[in-house]
Amino acid sequence: MGLNYFTLVHILLSLGGIAAGIGVLAGLLQNQIFRTWLFWFFVLTFLTSFTGFFFPITSVTPAIIVGAISLVLLGGAGFAFYGKHLSGIWRSVFLIGALSALYLNVFVLIVQLFQRMPALHALAPQQSEPPFVLTQGALLVAFIAFGYFTVKTFRRE
C-alpha cells in the first residue's frame, strides 16, 4: 500500500475513533454506556495508534510518544471495562483512560489541522502562537471538565 493510501486509512481510522469517542462521551454524560460506540471507539482508536507506528519515522517523535500513551490508556480502560466490569476503582480507571485517549486523538487532530490547513497554518505557523495555544487550552479545559463530571456522576448500568 502506498504511503498516501496508508495515510488516508490512518486518518479515516482516527476520525472514526473520534466520532465513536464522542458517542461514548455523550452516553457517559447521560450516565449511560453506549456499548456499540464504546466497542468502535476502542477498535478504531487502537488501530489509529497502532498504525501510527508504521509510518517511515527514524527516531522517537512526539507522535510516537502520544501513540504509545494512547495504547496504554486504551489498554487500561479496556481492562477496566471488559475485565473488571467497572467495579470499584476500575470505574475511574475506565473513565479517565477512555476520555484521555479521546483527548489525545482530538489533540492530534488539532495539531494536524494547524499544520495542514492553510488558513489555520497562517494563524499559527510554529504552533506556539495564541490561536493554537488557546485552541489546545480550551480543549484541555473541556476534557478536564468532562473527566471531572463523569468521575463524580457516572454510575454503572
Protein backbone atom coordinates (compact mmCIF):
# COMPACT_ATOMS: atom_id res chain seq x y z
CA MET A 1 0.00 0.00 0.00
CA GLY A 2 1.45 3.38 -0.95
CA LEU A 3 2.19 5.90 1.76
CA ASN A 4 -0.61 8.19 0.58
CA TYR A 5 -3.19 5.40 0.90
CA PHE A 6 -1.78 4.30 4.24
CA THR A 7 -2.02 7.88 5.48
CA LEU A 8 -5.62 8.09 4.28
CA VAL A 9 -6.52 4.87 6.13
CA HIS A 10 -4.80 6.20 9.26
CA ILE A 11 -6.75 9.47 9.03
CA LEU A 12 -10.07 7.69 8.48
CA LEU A 13 -9.40 5.41 11.47
CA SER A 14 -8.62 8.47 13.57
CA LEU A 15 -11.75 10.35 12.52
CA GLY A 16 -13.86 7.24 13.13
CA GLY A 17 -12.32 6.83 16.57
CA ILE A 18 -13.05 10.46 17.40
CA ALA A 19 -16.65 10.13 16.21
CA ALA A 20 -17.16 6.95 18.23
CA GLY A 21 -15.48 8.59 21.22
CA ILE A 22 -17.90 11.50 21.04
CA GLY A 23 -20.71 8.91 21.08
CA VAL A 24 -19.16 7.32 24.18
CA LEU A 25 -18.79 10.71 25.85
CA ALA A 26 -22.41 11.61 25.05
CA GLY A 27 -23.52 8.43 26.75
CA LEU A 28 -21.31 8.97 29.80
CA LEU A 29 -22.69 12.47 30.22
CA GLN A 30 -26.16 10.86 30.35
CA ASN A 31 -24.94 8.21 32.82
CA GLN A 32 -25.11 5.51 30.14
CA ILE A 33 -22.68 3.35 28.25
CA PHE A 34 -23.44 3.04 24.58
CA ARG A 35 -21.74 -0.31 24.08
CA THR A 36 -21.61 -0.18 20.29
CA TRP A 37 -19.99 3.26 20.34
CA LEU A 38 -17.59 2.05 23.02
CA PHE A 39 -16.59 -1.03 21.02
CA TRP A 40 -15.88 1.02 17.92
CA PHE A 41 -14.07 3.68 19.94
CA PHE A 42 -11.72 1.04 21.35
CA VAL A 43 -11.15 -0.66 18.00
CA LEU A 44 -10.68 2.45 15.88
CA THR A 45 -8.60 4.36 18.43
CA PHE A 46 -6.37 1.31 18.96
CA LEU A 47 -5.91 0.95 15.20
CA THR A 48 -5.16 4.67 14.89
CA SER A 49 -2.40 4.47 17.49
CA PHE A 50 -1.10 1.14 16.20
CA THR A 51 -0.90 2.19 12.57
CA GLY A 52 0.95 5.34 13.58
CA PHE A 53 4.00 3.20 14.35
CA PHE A 54 4.23 2.08 10.72
CA PHE A 55 4.99 5.46 9.21
CA PRO A 56 8.58 5.81 7.98
CA ILE A 57 9.97 7.53 11.06
CA THR A 58 13.59 7.06 12.05
CA SER A 59 13.52 8.42 15.61
CA VAL A 60 11.21 8.88 18.56
CA THR A 61 8.84 11.75 17.86
CA PRO A 62 6.02 13.38 19.83
CA ALA A 63 3.58 11.41 17.64
CA ILE A 64 5.20 8.11 18.67
CA ILE A 65 5.05 9.10 22.33
CA VAL A 66 1.38 10.13 22.05
CA GLY A 67 0.58 6.84 20.27
CA ALA A 68 2.29 4.80 22.99
CA ILE A 69 0.50 6.70 25.77
CA SER A 70 -2.81 6.24 23.95
CA LEU A 71 -2.27 2.47 23.72
CA VAL A 72 -1.55 2.27 27.45
CA LEU A 73 -4.66 4.34 28.25
CA LEU A 74 -6.82 2.21 25.96
CA GLY A 75 -5.43 -0.98 27.47
CA GLY A 76 -6.23 0.21 30.98
CA ALA A 77 -9.70 1.43 30.02
CA GLY A 78 -10.46 -1.79 28.14
CA PHE A 79 -9.31 -3.96 31.05
CA ALA A 80 -11.33 -1.85 33.49
CA PHE A 81 -14.46 -2.24 31.36
CA TYR A 82 -14.22 -5.78 29.99
CA GLY A 83 -12.03 -7.39 32.65
CA LYS A 84 -13.07 -5.69 35.89
CA HIS A 85 -16.60 -4.66 34.83
CA LEU A 86 -16.10 -1.15 36.27
CA SER A 87 -16.02 -2.45 39.85
CA GLY A 88 -14.57 -0.16 42.50
CA ILE A 89 -11.65 1.97 41.38
CA TRP A 90 -11.85 0.44 37.90
CA ARG A 91 -14.78 2.73 37.10
CA SER A 92 -12.46 5.73 37.42
CA VAL A 93 -9.67 3.94 35.52
CA PHE A 94 -12.10 3.36 32.66
CA LEU A 95 -13.44 6.91 32.62
CA ILE A 96 -10.07 8.62 32.86
CA GLY A 97 -8.39 6.22 30.42
CA ALA A 98 -11.11 6.40 27.77
CA LEU A 99 -11.51 10.18 27.98
CA SER A 100 -7.75 10.72 27.98
CA ALA A 101 -7.36 8.54 24.87
CA LEU A 102 -10.13 10.53 23.17
CA TYR A 103 -8.48 13.78 24.24
CA LEU A 104 -5.15 12.70 22.73
CA ASN A 105 -6.85 11.79 19.46
CA VAL A 106 -8.57 15.19 19.26
CA PHE A 107 -5.35 16.93 20.36
CA VAL A 108 -3.51 15.35 17.43
CA LEU A 109 -6.37 16.28 15.08
CA ILE A 110 -5.96 19.93 16.07
CA VAL A 111 -2.19 19.71 15.59
CA GLN A 112 -2.72 18.25 12.13
CA LEU A 113 -5.34 20.86 11.21
CA PHE A 114 -2.99 23.69 12.17
CA GLN A 115 -0.18 22.06 10.18
CA ARG A 116 -2.14 21.23 7.04
CA MET A 117 -4.94 23.78 6.63
CA PRO A 118 -3.53 26.95 5.07
CA ALA A 119 -5.84 29.32 6.96
CA LEU A 120 -5.00 27.78 10.34
CA HIS A 121 -1.33 27.40 9.48
CA ALA A 122 -1.18 31.11 8.66
CA LEU A 123 -2.54 31.88 12.15
CA ALA A 124 0.00 29.66 13.93
CA PRO A 125 2.86 28.51 11.70
CA GLN A 126 5.05 27.47 14.66
CA GLN A 127 2.15 26.12 16.73
CA SER A 128 3.21 28.30 19.62
CA GLU A 129 1.10 31.32 18.67
CA PRO A 130 -2.02 32.31 20.65
CA PRO A 131 -4.65 30.80 18.29
CA PHE A 132 -3.07 27.34 18.58
CA VAL A 133 -2.35 27.62 22.30
CA LEU A 134 -5.85 28.90 23.06
CA THR A 135 -7.47 26.15 20.98
CA GLN A 136 -5.48 23.41 22.68
CA GLY A 137 -6.03 25.05 26.07
CA ALA A 138 -9.79 25.17 25.55
CA LEU A 139 -9.74 21.51 24.51
CA LEU A 140 -7.80 20.55 27.63
CA VAL A 141 -10.15 22.53 29.92
CA ALA A 142 -13.18 20.92 28.25
CA PHE A 143 -11.80 17.41 28.72
CA ILE A 144 -10.81 18.08 32.33
CA ALA A 145 -14.39 19.24 32.94
CA PHE A 146 -15.80 16.16 31.16
CA GLY A 147 -13.50 13.92 33.17
CA TYR A 148 -14.36 15.54 36.48
CA PHE A 149 -18.08 15.44 35.75
CA THR A 150 -18.12 11.81 34.62
CA VAL A 151 -15.95 10.57 37.51
CA LYS A 152 -18.20 12.36 40.00
CA THR A 153 -21.55 11.40 38.48
CA PHE A 154 -21.23 8.28 36.33
CA ARG A 155 -22.51 5.07 37.91
CA ARG A 156 -22.54 1.62 36.40
CA GLU A 157 -25.57 0.50 34.45
